[in-house]
């Protein structure tokens, strides 16, 4: 238990030293940048998942013998 507390104390001290080195504007910029990059990654993953399931839906509709027009209407 003492090793865990010591490791946590060192981590907190490093975090506070890092915070003291930067201005609030620097920290806000870094947090904003991380949020923007995170949003971009989430949107890219979402687009890939949507593309995959639209493709699978179109394959299933074609396998059922639906016409191309009907399949495209369902898969909009």
Protein backbone atom coordinates (compact mmCIF):
# COMPACT_ATOMS: atom_id res chain seq x y z
CA UNK A 1 0.00 0.00 0.00
CA UNK A 2 2.85 2.36 0.81
CA UNK A 3 4.41 1.83 -2.63
CA UNK A 4 1.12 2.84 -4.24
CA UNK A 5 0.89 5.98 -2.14
CA UNK A 6 4.48 6.89 -2.95
CA UNK A 7 3.92 6.39 -6.68
CA UNK A 8 0.75 8.49 -6.50
CA UNK A 9 2.58 11.26 -4.61
CA UNK A 10 5.34 11.33 -7.24
CA UNK A 11 2.76 11.43 -10.02
CA UNK A 12 0.91 14.33 -8.38
CA UNK A 13 4.16 16.21 -7.84
CA UNK A 14 5.14 15.76 -11.51
CA UNK A 15 1.67 16.87 -12.61
CA UNK A 16 1.82 19.99 -10.44
CA UNK A 17 5.34 20.79 -11.68
CA UNK A 18 4.09 20.47 -15.25
CA UNK A 19 1.11 22.74 -14.53
CA UNK A 20 3.33 25.37 -12.92
CA UNK A 21 5.49 25.47 -16.03
CA UNK A 22 2.63 26.47 -18.35
CA UNK A 23 0.30 29.43 -18.36
CA UNK A 24 -3.48 28.94 -18.26
CA UNK A 25 -3.57 29.87 -21.95
CA UNK A 26 -1.09 27.11 -22.78
CA UNK A 27 -3.09 24.54 -20.86
CA UNK A 28 -6.35 25.70 -22.47
CA UNK A 29 -4.74 25.40 -25.90
CA UNK A 30 -3.50 21.88 -25.16
CA UNK A 31 -6.87 20.74 -23.81
CA UNK A 32 -8.67 22.29 -26.79
CA UNK A 33 -6.27 20.59 -29.18
CA UNK A 34 -6.80 17.22 -27.51
CA UNK A 35 -10.58 17.66 -27.67
CA UNK A 36 -10.38 18.58 -31.37
CA UNK A 37 -8.20 15.57 -32.20
CA UNK A 38 -10.48 13.31 -30.15
CA UNK A 39 -13.53 14.61 -32.00
CA UNK A 40 -11.83 14.01 -35.34
CA UNK A 41 -10.96 10.43 -34.39
CA UNK A 42 -14.51 9.74 -33.18
CA UNK A 43 -15.98 11.14 -36.40
CA UNK A 44 -13.61 9.09 -38.58
CA UNK A 45 -14.43 5.89 -36.70
CA UNK A 46 -18.14 6.67 -36.96
CA UNK A 47 -17.85 7.24 -40.72
CA UNK A 48 -16.02 3.93 -41.19
CA UNK A 49 -18.61 2.02 -39.14
CA UNK A 50 -21.48 3.66 -41.05
CA UNK A 51 -19.84 2.83 -44.39
CA UNK A 52 -19.37 -0.79 -43.34
CA UNK A 53 -22.99 -1.30 -42.26
CA UNK A 54 -24.40 0.52 -45.30
CA UNK A 55 -22.36 -1.79 -47.52
CA UNK A 56 -23.57 -4.87 -45.61
CA UNK A 57 -27.18 -3.66 -45.86
CA UNK A 58 -26.85 -3.15 -49.59
CA UNK A 59 -25.39 -6.66 -49.97
CA UNK A 60 -28.28 -8.17 -48.00
CA UNK A 61 -30.87 -6.28 -50.03
CA UNK A 62 -29.26 -7.41 -53.28
CA UNK A 63 -29.16 -11.00 -52.00
CA UNK A 64 -32.91 -10.85 -51.37
CA UNK A 65 -33.43 -9.96 -55.01
CA UNK A 66 -34.52 -6.36 -54.57
CA UNK A 67 -34.06 -4.10 -57.52
CA UNK A 68 -31.19 -1.64 -57.53
CA UNK A 69 -33.58 1.33 -57.18
CA UNK A 70 -35.31 -0.12 -54.11
CA UNK A 71 -31.98 -1.12 -52.53
CA UNK A 72 -30.61 2.38 -53.06
CA UNK A 73 -33.77 3.90 -51.57
CA UNK A 74 -33.41 1.78 -48.42
CA UNK A 75 -29.70 2.51 -48.18
CA UNK A 76 -29.82 6.28 -48.36
